[in-house]
Amino acid sequence: MKFKKVVSVKASLAEVWALLDDLETVAHCIPGLGEYSEVNAQEFDSVLVHRVGPVKARFELKTRIVDIEHEKSLTLVSEGRESHLDSWVKANLDFTLAPNGDSIDIDISAEFSVTGRVGTFGQRIISTKAEQVVL
């Protein structure tokens, strides 16, 4: 599943970058994300809990910054497992910043794959949940 969205923020490039560069702040902006713990400046562990149809899924995630270009772009990879439902998720998230007058456009691209039992519940439900988390 792929998602793409551009968000315009009335702030300076330095302010937007400072937000994206703060893993704890980014983690707290993701709906359903809890039990956040920073491993180091480029990696954190967390738990993502969401309902997928009638089932409550609890993914234990490892997220790391895999590419960073100061005040231009940031790429995250998040991988995790839902042990009770024997399912896995992998997400690649790209954030690209571009000045646009007195605002900054943040181009967000995300690609998700969900396998195992959660993946069998239906792509429509999963894609809606994934889009809520990312965008």
N, C-alpha and C. Protein backbone atom coordinates (compact mmCIF):
# COMPACT_ATOMS: atom_id res chain seq x y z
N MET A 1 0.84 -1.17 0.00
CA MET A 1 0.00 0.00 0.00
C MET A 1 0.88 1.23 0.00
N LYS A 2 0.53 2.19 -0.83
CA LYS A 2 1.28 3.43 -0.91
C LYS A 2 0.36 4.61 -0.63
N PHE A 3 0.91 5.60 0.07
CA PHE A 3 0.19 6.82 0.38
C PHE A 3 1.09 7.99 0.08
N LYS A 4 0.48 9.10 -0.35
CA LYS A 4 1.25 10.30 -0.62
C LYS A 4 0.37 11.50 -0.28
N LYS A 5 0.98 12.47 0.40
CA LYS A 5 0.24 13.68 0.76
C LYS A 5 1.24 14.81 0.96
N VAL A 6 0.82 16.02 0.62
CA VAL A 6 1.63 17.20 0.88
C VAL A 6 0.90 18.04 1.92
N VAL A 7 1.62 18.37 2.99
CA VAL A 7 1.07 19.18 4.06
C VAL A 7 1.84 20.49 4.09
N SER A 8 1.12 21.60 4.14
CA SER A 8 1.76 22.91 4.20
C SER A 8 1.67 23.44 5.63
N VAL A 9 2.83 23.87 6.16
CA VAL A 9 2.91 24.33 7.54
C VAL A 9 3.45 25.75 7.54
N LYS A 10 2.72 26.66 8.21
CA LYS A 10 3.20 28.04 8.33
C LYS A 10 4.23 28.11 9.45
N ALA A 11 5.47 27.93 9.06
CA ALA A 11 6.58 27.96 10.00
C ALA A 11 7.86 28.07 9.18
N SER A 12 8.94 28.34 9.88
CA SER A 12 10.23 28.40 9.18
C SER A 12 10.75 26.99 8.94
N LEU A 13 11.68 26.88 8.02
CA LEU A 13 12.30 25.60 7.73
C LEU A 13 12.98 25.05 8.99
N ALA A 14 13.65 25.92 9.73
CA ALA A 14 14.34 25.50 10.96
C ALA A 14 13.35 24.95 11.99
N GLU A 15 12.18 25.58 12.13
CA GLU A 15 11.17 25.11 13.10
C GLU A 15 10.61 23.75 12.70
N VAL A 16 10.30 23.59 11.42
CA VAL A 16 9.75 22.31 10.96
C VAL A 16 10.81 21.21 11.10
N TRP A 17 12.04 21.53 10.73
CA TRP A 17 13.10 20.53 10.85
C TRP A 17 13.32 20.13 12.31
N ALA A 18 13.28 21.11 13.21
CA ALA A 18 13.47 20.81 14.64
C ALA A 18 12.41 19.82 15.12
N LEU A 19 11.18 19.96 14.63
CA LEU A 19 10.12 19.02 15.00
C LEU A 19 10.42 17.63 14.46
N LEU A 20 10.76 17.53 13.18
CA LEU A 20 11.04 16.22 12.57
C LEU A 20 12.29 15.58 13.14
N ASP A 21 13.21 16.40 13.62
CA ASP A 21 14.47 15.89 14.16
C ASP A 21 14.33 15.41 15.60
N ASP A 22 13.18 15.64 16.21
CA ASP A 22 12.93 15.23 17.59
C ASP A 22 12.09 13.94 17.57
N LEU A 23 12.76 12.79 17.68
CA LEU A 23 12.06 11.50 17.56
C LEU A 23 10.90 11.36 18.55
N GLU A 24 11.09 11.83 19.78
CA GLU A 24 10.02 11.70 20.78
C GLU A 24 8.78 12.48 20.35
N THR A 25 8.97 13.69 19.83
CA THR A 25 7.84 14.49 19.37
C THR A 25 7.14 13.81 18.20
N VAL A 26 7.92 13.32 17.25
CA VAL A 26 7.34 12.61 16.09
C VAL A 26 6.56 11.39 16.56
N ALA A 27 7.12 10.64 17.49
CA ALA A 27 6.45 9.43 17.99
C ALA A 27 5.10 9.77 18.62
N HIS A 28 5.04 10.87 19.34
CA HIS A 28 3.79 11.24 20.01
C HIS A 28 2.74 11.80 19.05
N CYS A 29 3.13 12.07 17.81
CA CYS A 29 2.17 12.55 16.81
C CYS A 29 1.47 11.42 16.07
N ILE A 30 1.89 10.19 16.29
CA ILE A 30 1.34 9.05 15.57
C ILE A 30 0.21 8.44 16.38
N PRO A 31 -1.03 8.45 15.85
CA PRO A 31 -2.17 7.89 16.58
C PRO A 31 -1.95 6.42 16.92
N GLY A 32 -2.24 6.06 18.16
CA GLY A 32 -2.15 4.67 18.59
C GLY A 32 -0.77 4.25 19.04
N LEU A 33 0.22 5.13 18.92
CA LEU A 33 1.57 4.78 19.31
C LEU A 33 1.78 5.02 20.79
N GLY A 34 2.26 4.01 21.48
CA GLY A 34 2.50 4.12 22.91
C GLY A 34 3.76 3.39 23.29
N GLU A 35 4.08 3.41 24.55
CA GLU A 35 5.26 2.72 25.08
C GLU A 35 6.51 3.05 24.27
N TYR A 36 6.70 4.32 23.99
CA TYR A 36 7.85 4.80 23.23
C TYR A 36 9.11 4.75 24.09
N SER A 37 10.21 4.27 23.51
CA SER A 37 11.51 4.35 24.18
C SER A 37 12.60 4.56 23.14
N GLU A 38 13.41 5.57 23.38
CA GLU A 38 14.47 5.91 22.45
C GLU A 38 15.66 4.99 22.68
N VAL A 39 16.12 4.35 21.63
CA VAL A 39 17.29 3.47 21.69
C VAL A 39 18.55 4.31 21.55
N ASN A 40 18.54 5.21 20.57
CA ASN A 40 19.61 6.17 20.36
C ASN A 40 19.04 7.32 19.53
N ALA A 41 19.88 8.23 19.08
CA ALA A 41 19.40 9.41 18.36
C ALA A 41 18.75 9.07 17.03
N GLN A 42 18.94 7.86 16.52
CA GLN A 42 18.40 7.49 15.22
C GLN A 42 17.44 6.30 15.26
N GLU A 43 17.05 5.87 16.46
CA GLU A 43 16.23 4.66 16.56
C GLU A 43 15.34 4.70 17.82
N PHE A 44 14.10 4.21 17.65
CA PHE A 44 13.25 4.05 18.82
C PHE A 44 12.39 2.81 18.70
N ASP A 45 12.01 2.28 19.84
CA ASP A 45 11.09 1.15 19.93
C ASP A 45 9.75 1.69 20.42
N SER A 46 8.68 1.07 19.98
CA SER A 46 7.35 1.51 20.41
C SER A 46 6.34 0.39 20.20
N VAL A 47 5.14 0.65 20.67
CA VAL A 47 4.02 -0.26 20.47
C VAL A 47 2.92 0.53 19.79
N LEU A 48 2.39 -0.02 18.70
CA LEU A 48 1.29 0.60 17.95
C LEU A 48 0.07 -0.27 18.14
N VAL A 49 -1.00 0.32 18.69
CA VAL A 49 -2.23 -0.43 18.94
C VAL A 49 -3.35 0.19 18.12
N HIS A 50 -4.01 -0.64 17.30
CA HIS A 50 -5.15 -0.19 16.49
C HIS A 50 -6.13 -1.34 16.31
N ARG A 51 -7.37 -0.98 16.13
CA ARG A 51 -8.39 -1.96 15.76
C ARG A 51 -8.35 -2.11 14.25
N VAL A 52 -8.36 -3.34 13.80
CA VAL A 52 -8.46 -3.66 12.38
C VAL A 52 -9.74 -4.47 12.25
N GLY A 53 -10.82 -3.77 11.89
CA GLY A 53 -12.13 -4.42 11.91
C GLY A 53 -12.47 -4.79 13.34
N PRO A 54 -12.86 -6.04 13.57
CA PRO A 54 -13.25 -6.45 14.92
C PRO A 54 -12.06 -6.85 15.81
N VAL A 55 -10.86 -6.80 15.27
CA VAL A 55 -9.68 -7.30 15.97
C VAL A 55 -8.79 -6.14 16.42
N LYS A 56 -8.29 -6.25 17.64
CA LYS A 56 -7.35 -5.26 18.16
C LYS A 56 -5.93 -5.80 17.94
N ALA A 57 -5.13 -5.05 17.16
CA ALA A 57 -3.77 -5.47 16.86
C ALA A 57 -2.79 -4.63 17.68
N ARG A 58 -1.74 -5.28 18.18
CA ARG A 58 -0.72 -4.62 19.01
C ARG A 58 0.65 -4.97 18.43
N PHE A 59 1.18 -4.07 17.60
CA PHE A 59 2.46 -4.29 16.95
C PHE A 59 3.60 -3.71 17.78
N GLU A 60 4.61 -4.52 18.03
CA GLU A 60 5.83 -4.05 18.67
C GLU A 60 6.78 -3.64 17.54
N LEU A 61 7.10 -2.34 17.50
CA LEU A 61 7.84 -1.78 16.37
C LEU A 61 9.26 -1.35 16.73
N LYS A 62 10.13 -1.48 15.77
CA LYS A 62 11.46 -0.90 15.82
C LYS A 62 11.52 0.07 14.64
N THR A 63 11.79 1.33 14.96
CA THR A 63 11.82 2.37 13.92
C THR A 63 13.20 3.01 13.93
N ARG A 64 13.73 3.21 12.73
CA ARG A 64 15.05 3.83 12.65
C ARG A 64 15.10 4.81 11.48
N ILE A 65 15.92 5.83 11.65
CA ILE A 65 16.20 6.78 10.58
C ILE A 65 17.25 6.13 9.69
N VAL A 66 16.92 5.97 8.42
CA VAL A 66 17.86 5.31 7.51
C VAL A 66 18.52 6.30 6.56
N ASP A 67 17.97 7.49 6.43
CA ASP A 67 18.55 8.50 5.58
C ASP A 67 18.12 9.87 6.09
N ILE A 68 19.06 10.78 6.14
CA ILE A 68 18.74 12.11 6.63
C ILE A 68 19.59 13.13 5.87
N GLU A 69 18.93 14.16 5.36
CA GLU A 69 19.61 15.27 4.72
C GLU A 69 19.10 16.52 5.43
N HIS A 70 19.96 17.12 6.22
CA HIS A 70 19.58 18.21 7.13
C HIS A 70 18.72 19.27 6.43
N GLU A 71 17.56 19.54 7.04
CA GLU A 71 16.57 20.52 6.58
C GLU A 71 16.04 20.26 5.17
N LYS A 72 16.20 19.02 4.67
CA LYS A 72 15.68 18.69 3.35
C LYS A 72 14.81 17.44 3.35
N SER A 73 15.35 16.34 3.93
CA SER A 73 14.57 15.10 3.87
C SER A 73 14.94 14.16 5.01
N LEU A 74 14.01 13.26 5.27
CA LEU A 74 14.17 12.28 6.34
C LEU A 74 13.45 11.01 5.90
N THR A 75 14.11 9.87 6.06
CA THR A 75 13.50 8.59 5.72
C THR A 75 13.55 7.68 6.94
N LEU A 76 12.40 7.11 7.29
CA LEU A 76 12.27 6.20 8.42
C LEU A 76 11.84 4.84 7.91
N VAL A 77 12.33 3.79 8.56
CA VAL A 77 11.85 2.44 8.31
C VAL A 77 11.35 1.91 9.65
N SER A 78 10.15 1.38 9.64
CA SER A 78 9.55 0.83 10.85
C SER A 78 9.12 -0.60 10.55
N GLU A 79 9.52 -1.51 11.44
CA GLU A 79 9.17 -2.92 11.27
C GLU A 79 8.70 -3.47 12.61
N GLY A 80 7.73 -4.37 12.56
CA GLY A 80 7.27 -4.94 13.81
C GLY A 80 6.39 -6.15 13.62
N ARG A 81 6.09 -6.76 14.76
CA ARG A 81 5.33 -8.01 14.79
C ARG A 81 4.17 -7.90 15.76
N GLU A 82 3.08 -8.54 15.41
CA GLU A 82 1.92 -8.71 16.29
C GLU A 82 1.91 -10.19 16.63
N SER A 83 2.39 -10.54 17.82
CA SER A 83 2.62 -11.96 18.13
C SER A 83 1.33 -12.76 18.28
N HIS A 84 0.28 -12.19 18.85
CA HIS A 84 -0.97 -12.96 19.05
C HIS A 84 -1.66 -13.31 17.74
N LEU A 85 -1.53 -12.42 16.77
CA LEU A 85 -2.17 -12.66 15.47
C LEU A 85 -1.17 -13.13 14.42
N ASP A 86 0.07 -13.39 14.84
CA ASP A 86 1.10 -13.90 13.95
C ASP A 86 1.18 -13.06 12.67
N SER A 87 1.38 -11.75 12.85
CA SER A 87 1.40 -10.82 11.72
C SER A 87 2.59 -9.89 11.81
N TRP A 88 2.97 -9.34 10.65
CA TRP A 88 4.11 -8.44 10.57
C TRP A 88 3.72 -7.21 9.77
N VAL A 89 4.39 -6.10 10.09
CA VAL A 89 4.20 -4.86 9.34
C VAL A 89 5.57 -4.27 9.04
N LYS A 90 5.68 -3.69 7.86
CA LYS A 90 6.89 -2.94 7.50
C LYS A 90 6.42 -1.67 6.82
N ALA A 91 7.02 -0.54 7.23
CA ALA A 91 6.66 0.75 6.65
C ALA A 91 7.91 1.53 6.32
N ASN A 92 7.90 2.12 5.15
CA ASN A 92 8.95 3.07 4.73
C ASN A 92 8.28 4.43 4.64
N LEU A 93 8.81 5.40 5.36
CA LEU A 93 8.23 6.74 5.42
C LEU A 93 9.26 7.76 4.96
N ASP A 94 8.89 8.57 3.98
CA ASP A 94 9.77 9.60 3.47
C ASP A 94 9.12 10.97 3.68
N PHE A 95 9.89 11.89 4.24
CA PHE A 95 9.45 13.27 4.45
C PHE A 95 10.43 14.17 3.70
N THR A 96 9.92 14.99 2.78
CA THR A 96 10.74 15.93 2.04
C THR A 96 10.20 17.33 2.28
N LEU A 97 11.08 18.26 2.66
CA LEU A 97 10.67 19.63 2.97
C LEU A 97 11.04 20.57 1.84
N ALA A 98 10.13 21.50 1.53
CA ALA A 98 10.38 22.48 0.49
C ALA A 98 9.76 23.81 0.89
N PRO A 99 10.55 24.87 0.93
CA PRO A 99 9.99 26.20 1.22
C PRO A 99 8.98 26.59 0.15
N ASN A 100 7.90 27.25 0.60
CA ASN A 100 6.85 27.70 -0.30
C ASN A 100 6.31 29.02 0.25
N GLY A 101 6.97 30.11 -0.10
CA GLY A 101 6.60 31.41 0.45
C GLY A 101 6.91 31.46 1.93
N ASP A 102 5.90 31.78 2.77
CA ASP A 102 6.10 31.83 4.22
C ASP A 102 5.74 30.51 4.89
N SER A 103 5.59 29.46 4.10
CA SER A 103 5.27 28.12 4.61
C SER A 103 6.31 27.11 4.15
N ILE A 104 6.21 25.94 4.74
CA ILE A 104 7.03 24.80 4.33
C ILE A 104 6.09 23.70 3.88
N ASP A 105 6.29 23.19 2.68
CA ASP A 105 5.53 22.04 2.21
C ASP A 105 6.27 20.78 2.63
N ILE A 106 5.54 19.87 3.28
CA ILE A 106 6.12 18.59 3.68
C ILE A 106 5.48 17.53 2.80
N ASP A 107 6.26 16.96 1.94
CA ASP A 107 5.80 15.89 1.06
C ASP A 107 6.00 14.58 1.82
N ILE A 108 4.90 13.91 2.13
CA ILE A 108 4.93 12.67 2.90
C ILE A 108 4.59 11.51 1.97
N SER A 109 5.50 10.55 1.90
CA SER A 109 5.26 9.34 1.13
C SER A 109 5.45 8.15 2.07
N ALA A 110 4.52 7.23 1.98
CA ALA A 110 4.60 6.05 2.86
C ALA A 110 4.24 4.80 2.06
N GLU A 111 4.96 3.75 2.36
CA GLU A 111 4.66 2.46 1.76
C GLU A 111 4.60 1.43 2.87
N PHE A 112 3.48 0.70 2.95
CA PHE A 112 3.25 -0.29 4.00
C PHE A 112 3.05 -1.67 3.41
N SER A 113 3.50 -2.66 4.15
CA SER A 113 3.12 -4.03 3.83
C SER A 113 2.73 -4.70 5.15
N VAL A 114 1.62 -5.41 5.11
CA VAL A 114 1.11 -6.13 6.28
C VAL A 114 0.91 -7.58 5.86
N THR A 115 1.52 -8.49 6.61
CA THR A 115 1.39 -9.91 6.29
C THR A 115 0.89 -10.66 7.51
N GLY A 116 0.51 -11.89 7.30
CA GLY A 116 -0.02 -12.70 8.39
C GLY A 116 -1.52 -12.54 8.53
N ARG A 117 -2.04 -12.91 9.67
CA ARG A 117 -3.50 -12.89 9.88
C ARG A 117 -4.10 -11.51 9.72
N VAL A 118 -3.42 -10.47 10.21
CA VAL A 118 -3.97 -9.11 10.07
C VAL A 118 -4.10 -8.76 8.59
N GLY A 119 -3.14 -9.19 7.78
CA GLY A 119 -3.19 -8.93 6.35
C GLY A 119 -4.36 -9.59 5.65
N THR A 120 -4.91 -10.64 6.24
CA THR A 120 -6.03 -11.34 5.60
C THR A 120 -7.39 -10.70 5.88
N PHE A 121 -7.46 -9.73 6.80
CA PHE A 121 -8.74 -9.12 7.15
C PHE A 121 -9.30 -8.22 6.07
N GLY A 122 -8.51 -7.88 5.10
CA GLY A 122 -9.01 -7.04 4.02
C GLY A 122 -8.16 -5.80 3.86
N GLN A 123 -7.72 -5.59 2.66
CA GLN A 123 -6.84 -4.47 2.38
C GLN A 123 -7.50 -3.12 2.61
N ARG A 124 -8.82 -3.03 2.42
CA ARG A 124 -9.50 -1.74 2.59
C ARG A 124 -9.42 -1.25 4.02
N ILE A 125 -9.68 -2.12 4.98
CA ILE A 125 -9.62 -1.74 6.39
C ILE A 125 -8.19 -1.38 6.77
N ILE A 126 -7.24 -2.19 6.34
CA ILE A 126 -5.84 -1.96 6.67
C ILE A 126 -5.34 -0.66 6.05
N SER A 127 -5.69 -0.40 4.79
CA SER A 127 -5.21 0.82 4.15
C SER A 127 -5.81 2.06 4.81
N THR A 128 -7.06 1.99 5.26
CA THR A 128 -7.66 3.12 5.98
C THR A 128 -6.93 3.38 7.28
N LYS A 129 -6.62 2.33 8.02
CA LYS A 129 -5.89 2.48 9.29
C LYS A 129 -4.49 3.02 9.05
N ALA A 130 -3.81 2.48 8.05
CA ALA A 130 -2.44 2.93 7.75
C ALA A 130 -2.44 4.41 7.38
N GLU A 131 -3.41 4.83 6.58
CA GLU A 131 -3.49 6.23 6.17
C GLU A 131 -3.75 7.14 7.38
N GLN A 132 -4.57 6.69 8.34
CA GLN A 132 -4.81 7.48 9.56
C GLN A 132 -3.54 7.65 10.37
N VAL A 133 -2.72 6.63 10.43
CA VAL A 133 -1.48 6.69 11.21
C VAL A 133 -0.48 7.63 10.56
N VAL A 134 -0.34 7.54 9.24
CA VAL A 134 0.70 8.30 8.56
C VAL A 134 0.27 9.72 8.25
N LEU A 135 -0.93 9.91 7.77
CA LEU A 135 -1.32 11.20 7.29
C LEU A 135 -2.25 11.86 8.28
